[in-house]
C-alpha cells in the first residue's frame, strides 16, 4: 500500500486538476431539468418525467465516474 502511495503522490496534483476540469465541463454540458418558463411559475410538469437516453445518459454516467474518481483522488491525497 505504501508503494502505491509513494508512486501516485507526485502526480496526484496534476491528476486532480485534470479530473476537476473534466468534471466542470461534464456538469456544464448537461441540460437543466427545468425550462425558463418553470422558473417564473409556468407549467413545467413535462420536465418532472424526463428520462435520460443516448448521449445524455452517457454524459450523466461519465459525470458520476469522474466525480467518484475525483473524490477518491482527494481521499488518497489525505492519506498520503
C-alpha atoms as a PDB file:
ATOM      1  CA  UNK A   1       0.000   0.000   0.000  1.00  0.00           C
ATOM      2  CA  UNK A   2       2.821   2.405   0.828  1.00  0.00           C
ATOM      3  CA  UNK A   3       4.475   1.674  -2.514  1.00  0.00           C
ATOM      4  CA  UNK A   4       1.280   2.691  -4.334  1.00  0.00           C
ATOM      5  CA  UNK A   5       1.002   5.907  -2.329  1.00  0.00           C
ATOM      6  CA  UNK A   6       4.682   6.679  -2.967  1.00  0.00           C
ATOM      7  CA  UNK A   7       4.245   6.248  -6.713  1.00  0.00           C
ATOM      8  CA  UNK A   8       0.965   8.167  -7.026  1.00  0.00           C
ATOM      9  CA  UNK A   9       1.728  11.074  -4.668  1.00  0.00           C
ATOM     10  CA  UNK A  10       3.991  13.071  -7.048  1.00  0.00           C
ATOM     11  CA  UNK A  11       1.479  13.045  -9.917  1.00  0.00           C
ATOM     12  CA  UNK A  12      -1.650  13.424  -7.777  1.00  0.00           C
ATOM     13  CA  UNK A  13      -1.971  17.236  -8.111  1.00  0.00           C
ATOM     14  CA  UNK A  14      -1.905  17.012 -11.912  1.00  0.00           C
ATOM     15  CA  UNK A  15      -4.468  14.201 -11.868  1.00  0.00           C
ATOM     16  CA  UNK A  16      -6.757  16.260  -9.640  1.00  0.00           C
ATOM     17  CA  UNK A  17      -6.506  19.282 -11.935  1.00  0.00           C
ATOM     18  CA  UNK A  18      -7.409  17.187 -14.996  1.00  0.00           C
ATOM     19  CA  UNK A  19     -10.290  15.494 -13.163  1.00  0.00           C
ATOM     20  CA  UNK A  20     -11.642  18.814 -11.923  1.00  0.00           C
ATOM     21  CA  UNK A  21     -11.580  20.323 -15.433  1.00  0.00           C
ATOM     22  CA  UNK A  22     -13.359  17.250 -16.844  1.00  0.00           C
ATOM     23  CA  UNK A  23     -15.932  17.369 -14.043  1.00  0.00           C
ATOM     24  CA  UNK A  24     -16.670  21.052 -14.598  1.00  0.00           C
ATOM     25  CA  UNK A  25     -17.043  20.515 -18.344  1.00  0.00           C
ATOM     26  CA  UNK A  26     -19.319  17.491 -17.883  1.00  0.00           C
ATOM     27  CA  UNK A  27     -21.568  19.364 -15.452  1.00  0.00           C
ATOM     28  CA  UNK A  28     -21.808  22.408 -17.702  1.00  0.00           C
ATOM     29  CA  UNK A  29     -22.666  20.289 -20.752  1.00  0.00           C
ATOM     30  CA  UNK A  30     -25.705  18.722 -19.084  1.00  0.00           C
ATOM     31  CA  UNK A  31     -29.127  20.169 -19.774  1.00  0.00           C
ATOM     32  CA  UNK A  32     -31.148  21.707 -16.998  1.00  0.00           C
ATOM     33  CA  UNK A  33     -34.141  19.803 -15.694  1.00  0.00           C
ATOM     34  CA  UNK A  34     -36.435  22.812 -15.746  1.00  0.00           C
ATOM     35  CA  UNK A  35     -37.054  25.274 -18.505  1.00  0.00           C
ATOM     36  CA  UNK A  36     -37.053  29.040 -18.192  1.00  0.00           C
ATOM     37  CA  UNK A  37     -40.841  29.085 -18.005  1.00  0.00           C
ATOM     38  CA  UNK A  38     -40.724  26.919 -14.887  1.00  0.00           C
ATOM     39  CA  UNK A  39     -38.520  29.474 -13.153  1.00  0.00           C
ATOM     40  CA  UNK A  40     -41.275  32.068 -13.468  1.00  0.00           C
ATOM     41  CA  UNK A  41     -44.130  29.848 -12.320  1.00  0.00           C
ATOM     42  CA  UNK A  42     -45.086  28.381 -15.681  1.00  0.00           C
ATOM     43  CA  UNK A  43     -46.338  24.854 -16.250  1.00  0.00           C
ATOM     44  CA  UNK A  44     -43.346  22.558 -16.075  1.00  0.00           C
ATOM     45  CA  UNK A  45     -44.837  19.118 -15.441  1.00  0.00           C
ATOM     46  CA  UNK A  46     -43.229  17.556 -18.522  1.00  0.00           C
ATOM     47  CA  UNK A  47     -39.713  18.088 -17.112  1.00  0.00           C
ATOM     48  CA  UNK A  48     -40.509  16.046 -13.993  1.00  0.00           C
ATOM     49  CA  UNK A  49     -40.886  12.818 -16.002  1.00  0.00           C
ATOM     50  CA  UNK A  50     -37.819  13.170 -18.189  1.00  0.00           C
ATOM     51  CA  UNK A  51     -35.837  10.008 -18.928  1.00  0.00           C
ATOM     52  CA  UNK A  52     -32.202  10.166 -19.988  1.00  0.00           C
ATOM     53  CA  UNK A  53     -31.343   8.377 -23.241  1.00  0.00           C
ATOM     54  CA  UNK A  54     -28.383   8.041 -25.564  1.00  0.00           C
ATOM     55  CA  UNK A  55     -25.793  10.761 -25.275  1.00  0.00           C
ATOM     56  CA  UNK A  56     -27.456  12.325 -22.271  1.00  0.00           C
ATOM     57  CA  UNK A  57     -27.214   9.040 -20.337  1.00  0.00           C
ATOM     58  CA  UNK A  58     -23.546   8.683 -21.348  1.00  0.00           C
ATOM     59  CA  UNK A  59     -22.791  12.212 -20.138  1.00  0.00           C
ATOM     60  CA  UNK A  60     -24.620  11.545 -16.859  1.00  0.00           C
ATOM     61  CA  UNK A  61     -22.662   8.334 -16.211  1.00  0.00           C
ATOM     62  CA  UNK A  62     -19.404   9.987 -17.274  1.00  0.00           C
ATOM     63  CA  UNK A  63     -20.054  12.769 -14.753  1.00  0.00           C
ATOM     64  CA  UNK A  64     -20.666  10.237 -11.984  1.00  0.00           C
ATOM     65  CA  UNK A  65     -17.488   8.312 -12.789  1.00  0.00           C
ATOM     66  CA  UNK A  66     -15.364  11.477 -12.899  1.00  0.00           C
ATOM     67  CA  UNK A  67     -16.886  12.670  -9.609  1.00  0.00           C
ATOM     68  CA  UNK A  68     -16.096   9.350  -7.901  1.00  0.00           C
ATOM     69  CA  UNK A  69     -12.530   9.402  -9.247  1.00  0.00           C
ATOM     70  CA  UNK A  70     -12.095  12.973  -8.031  1.00  0.00           C
ATOM     71  CA  UNK A  71     -13.302  12.077  -4.526  1.00  0.00           C
ATOM     72  CA  UNK A  72     -11.032   9.035  -4.444  1.00  0.00           C
ATOM     73  CA  UNK A  73      -8.040  11.121  -5.506  1.00  0.00           C
ATOM     74  CA  UNK A  74      -8.835  13.667  -2.786  1.00  0.00           C
ATOM     75  CA  UNK A  75      -9.020  10.894  -0.184  1.00  0.00           C
ATOM     76  CA  UNK A  76      -5.752   9.434  -1.458  1.00  0.00           C
ATOM     77  CA  UNK A  77      -4.211  12.872  -1.127  1.00  0.00           C
ATOM     78  CA  UNK A  78      -5.301  12.989   2.534  1.00  0.00           C
ATOM     79  CA  UNK A  79      -3.807   9.565   3.261  1.00  0.00           C
ATOM     80  CA  UNK A  80      -0.523  10.309   1.524  1.00  0.00           C
END
